[in-house]
C-alpha atoms as a PDB file:
ATOM      1  CA  UNK A   1      -0.023  -0.009   0.037  1.00  0.00           C
ATOM      2  CA  UNK A   2       2.935   2.301   0.526  1.00  0.00           C
ATOM      3  CA  UNK A   3       3.850   2.140  -3.098  1.00  0.00           C
ATOM      4  CA  UNK A   4       2.393   4.693  -5.525  1.00  0.00           C
ATOM      5  CA  UNK A   5       1.617   1.792  -7.879  1.00  0.00           C
ATOM      6  CA  UNK A   6      -0.629   0.127  -5.318  1.00  0.00           C
ATOM      7  CA  UNK A   7      -3.380   2.686  -5.786  1.00  0.00           C
ATOM      8  CA  UNK A   8      -4.529   1.111  -9.009  1.00  0.00           C
ATOM      9  CA  UNK A   9      -4.831  -2.276  -7.256  1.00  0.00           C
ATOM     10  CA  UNK A  10      -6.156  -0.952  -3.933  1.00  0.00           C
ATOM     11  CA  UNK A  11      -9.497  -2.773  -3.894  1.00  0.00           C
ATOM     12  CA  UNK A  12      -7.836  -6.078  -4.718  1.00  0.00           C
ATOM     13  CA  UNK A  13      -5.047  -5.482  -2.244  1.00  0.00           C
ATOM     14  CA  UNK A  14      -7.624  -4.798   0.529  1.00  0.00           C
ATOM     15  CA  UNK A  15      -9.558  -7.928  -0.367  1.00  0.00           C
ATOM     16  CA  UNK A  16      -6.374 -10.030  -0.115  1.00  0.00           C
ATOM     17  CA  UNK A  17      -5.418  -8.343   3.142  1.00  0.00           C
ATOM     18  CA  UNK A  18      -8.772  -9.368   4.627  1.00  0.00           C
ATOM     19  CA  UNK A  19      -8.545 -12.851   3.210  1.00  0.00           C
ATOM     20  CA  UNK A  20      -5.053 -13.405   4.560  1.00  0.00           C
ATOM     21  CA  UNK A  21      -6.055 -12.060   7.973  1.00  0.00           C
ATOM     22  CA  UNK A  22      -8.963 -14.535   8.057  1.00  0.00           C
ATOM     23  CA  UNK A  23      -6.642 -17.430   7.059  1.00  0.00           C
ATOM     24  CA  UNK A  24      -4.150 -16.374   9.714  1.00  0.00           C
ATOM     25  CA  UNK A  25      -6.741 -16.120  12.451  1.00  0.00           C
ATOM     26  CA  UNK A  26      -8.339 -19.444  11.461  1.00  0.00           C
ATOM     27  CA  UNK A  27      -5.004 -21.323  11.376  1.00  0.00           C
ATOM     28  CA  UNK A  28      -4.005 -19.840  14.703  1.00  0.00           C
ATOM     29  CA  UNK A  29      -7.262 -21.003  16.236  1.00  0.00           C
ATOM     30  CA  UNK A  30      -6.877 -24.457  14.671  1.00  0.00           C
ATOM     31  CA  UNK A  31      -3.439 -24.798  16.178  1.00  0.00           C
ATOM     32  CA  UNK A  32      -4.685 -23.756  19.641  1.00  0.00           C
ATOM     33  CA  UNK A  33      -7.615 -26.189  19.512  1.00  0.00           C
ATOM     34  CA  UNK A  34      -5.375 -29.028  18.263  1.00  0.00           C
ATOM     35  CA  UNK A  35      -2.791 -28.437  21.005  1.00  0.00           C
ATOM     36  CA  UNK A  36      -5.496 -28.472  23.740  1.00  0.00           C
ATOM     37  CA  UNK A  37      -7.411 -31.337  22.104  1.00  0.00           C
ATOM     38  CA  UNK A  38      -4.261 -33.530  21.875  1.00  0.00           C
ATOM     39  CA  UNK A  39      -3.534 -32.964  25.543  1.00  0.00           C
ATOM     40  CA  UNK A  40      -7.055 -33.682  26.689  1.00  0.00           C
ATOM     41  CA  UNK A  41      -7.581 -36.582  24.393  1.00  0.00           C
ATOM     42  CA  UNK A  42      -4.924 -38.499  26.337  1.00  0.00           C
ATOM     43  CA  UNK A  43      -6.810 -37.795  29.529  1.00  0.00           C
ATOM     44  CA  UNK A  44     -10.417 -38.458  28.501  1.00  0.00           C
ATOM     45  CA  UNK A  45     -10.178 -41.102  25.767  1.00  0.00           C
ATOM     46  CA  UNK A  46      -9.547 -44.558  27.115  1.00  0.00           C
ATOM     47  CA  UNK A  47      -9.517 -43.644  30.800  1.00  0.00           C
ATOM     48  CA  UNK A  48     -12.817 -44.747  32.347  1.00  0.00           C
ATOM     49  CA  UNK A  49     -11.652 -43.808  35.825  1.00  0.00           C
ATOM     50  CA  UNK A  50     -11.173 -40.153  34.872  1.00  0.00           C
ATOM     51  CA  UNK A  51     -14.463 -40.165  32.906  1.00  0.00           C
ATOM     52  CA  UNK A  52     -16.311 -41.344  36.046  1.00  0.00           C
ATOM     53  CA  UNK A  53     -14.599 -38.765  38.225  1.00  0.00           C
ATOM     54  CA  UNK A  54     -15.278 -35.879  35.797  1.00  0.00           C
ATOM     55  CA  UNK A  55     -18.570 -36.687  34.055  1.00  0.00           C
ATOM     56  CA  UNK A  56     -19.433 -33.108  33.019  1.00  0.00           C
ATOM     57  CA  UNK A  57     -15.970 -32.473  31.645  1.00  0.00           C
ATOM     58  CA  UNK A  58     -16.004 -35.794  29.859  1.00  0.00           C
ATOM     59  CA  UNK A  59     -19.277 -34.967  28.172  1.00  0.00           C
ATOM     60  CA  UNK A  60     -18.006 -31.533  27.147  1.00  0.00           C
ATOM     61  CA  UNK A  61     -14.846 -33.113  25.743  1.00  0.00           C
ATOM     62  CA  UNK A  62     -16.918 -35.706  23.802  1.00  0.00           C
ATOM     63  CA  UNK A  63     -18.856 -32.880  22.110  1.00  0.00           C
ATOM     64  CA  UNK A  64     -15.694 -31.029  21.224  1.00  0.00           C
ATOM     65  CA  UNK A  65     -14.021 -34.253  20.060  1.00  0.00           C
ATOM     66  CA  UNK A  66     -16.959 -34.954  17.679  1.00  0.00           C
ATOM     67  CA  UNK A  67     -16.969 -31.398  16.340  1.00  0.00           C
ATOM     68  CA  UNK A  68     -13.167 -31.344  15.993  1.00  0.00           C
ATOM     69  CA  UNK A  69     -13.162 -34.496  13.851  1.00  0.00           C
ATOM     70  CA  UNK A  70     -16.004 -33.147  11.703  1.00  0.00           C
ATOM     71  CA  UNK A  71     -14.236 -29.831  11.151  1.00  0.00           C
ATOM     72  CA  UNK A  72     -10.968 -31.540  10.240  1.00  0.00           C
ATOM     73  CA  UNK A  73     -12.773 -33.829   7.786  1.00  0.00           C
ATOM     74  CA  UNK A  74     -14.555 -30.856   6.301  1.00  0.00           C
ATOM     75  CA  UNK A  75     -11.292 -28.947   5.859  1.00  0.00           C
ATOM     76  CA  UNK A  76      -9.569 -31.959   4.343  1.00  0.00           C
ATOM     77  CA  UNK A  77     -12.373 -32.408   1.866  1.00  0.00           C
ATOM     78  CA  UNK A  78     -12.285 -28.751   0.899  1.00  0.00           C
ATOM     79  CA  UNK A  79      -8.624 -28.985  -0.036  1.00  0.00           C
ATOM     80  CA  UNK A  80      -8.161 -25.250  -0.368  1.00  0.00           C
ATOM     81  CA  UNK A  81      -7.149 -23.245   2.662  1.00  0.00           C
ATOM     82  CA  UNK A  82      -8.847 -20.004   1.625  1.00  0.00           C
ATOM     83  CA  UNK A  83     -12.111 -21.734   0.789  1.00  0.00           C
ATOM     84  CA  UNK A  84     -11.825 -23.794   3.917  1.00  0.00           C
ATOM     85  CA  UNK A  85     -11.493 -20.717   6.090  1.00  0.00           C
ATOM     86  CA  UNK A  86     -14.522 -19.181   4.399  1.00  0.00           C
ATOM     87  CA  UNK A  87     -16.856 -22.054   5.232  1.00  0.00           C
ATOM     88  CA  UNK A  88     -19.859 -20.622   7.020  1.00  0.00           C
ATOM     89  CA  UNK A  89     -19.433 -20.836  10.750  1.00  0.00           C
ATOM     90  CA  UNK A  90     -15.924 -22.302  10.594  1.00  0.00           C
ATOM     91  CA  UNK A  91     -14.184 -19.687  12.686  1.00  0.00           C
ATOM     92  CA  UNK A  92     -17.077 -19.541  15.123  1.00  0.00           C
ATOM     93  CA  UNK A  93     -16.917 -23.307  15.594  1.00  0.00           C
ATOM     94  CA  UNK A  94     -13.179 -23.203  16.200  1.00  0.00           C
ATOM     95  CA  UNK A  95     -13.479 -20.300  18.689  1.00  0.00           C
ATOM     96  CA  UNK A  96     -16.236 -22.166  20.531  1.00  0.00           C
ATOM     97  CA  UNK A  97     -14.070 -25.318  20.758  1.00  0.00           C
ATOM     98  CA  UNK A  98     -11.110 -23.271  21.906  1.00  0.00           C
ATOM     99  CA  UNK A  99     -13.017 -21.665  24.724  1.00  0.00           C
ATOM    100  CA  UNK A 100     -14.451 -25.036  25.851  1.00  0.00           C
ATOM    101  CA  UNK A 101     -11.029 -26.638  25.907  1.00  0.00           C
ATOM    102  CA  UNK A 102      -9.377 -23.936  28.026  1.00  0.00           C
END
């Protein structure tokens, strides 16, 4: 944008700026969810003792686990990062999972 030549491309530059910001925010959220999910998966999956001691947390994790797998499958099938980040509700789902896993 600082270049005098950018003025002729300004609308396209702004569109790409917004797109790349969305992709960056989405990927950052995916990485945060993945990190927390991997940690909690070891705790809640396969440990009946912990599931009995923490039934509410186990149920919450089960919901996030199901959603996480659906989101990852959806993104894999999309095959294009920009289109994947633009899927309706994608960032909202990821933010919701992130807050539940914290």
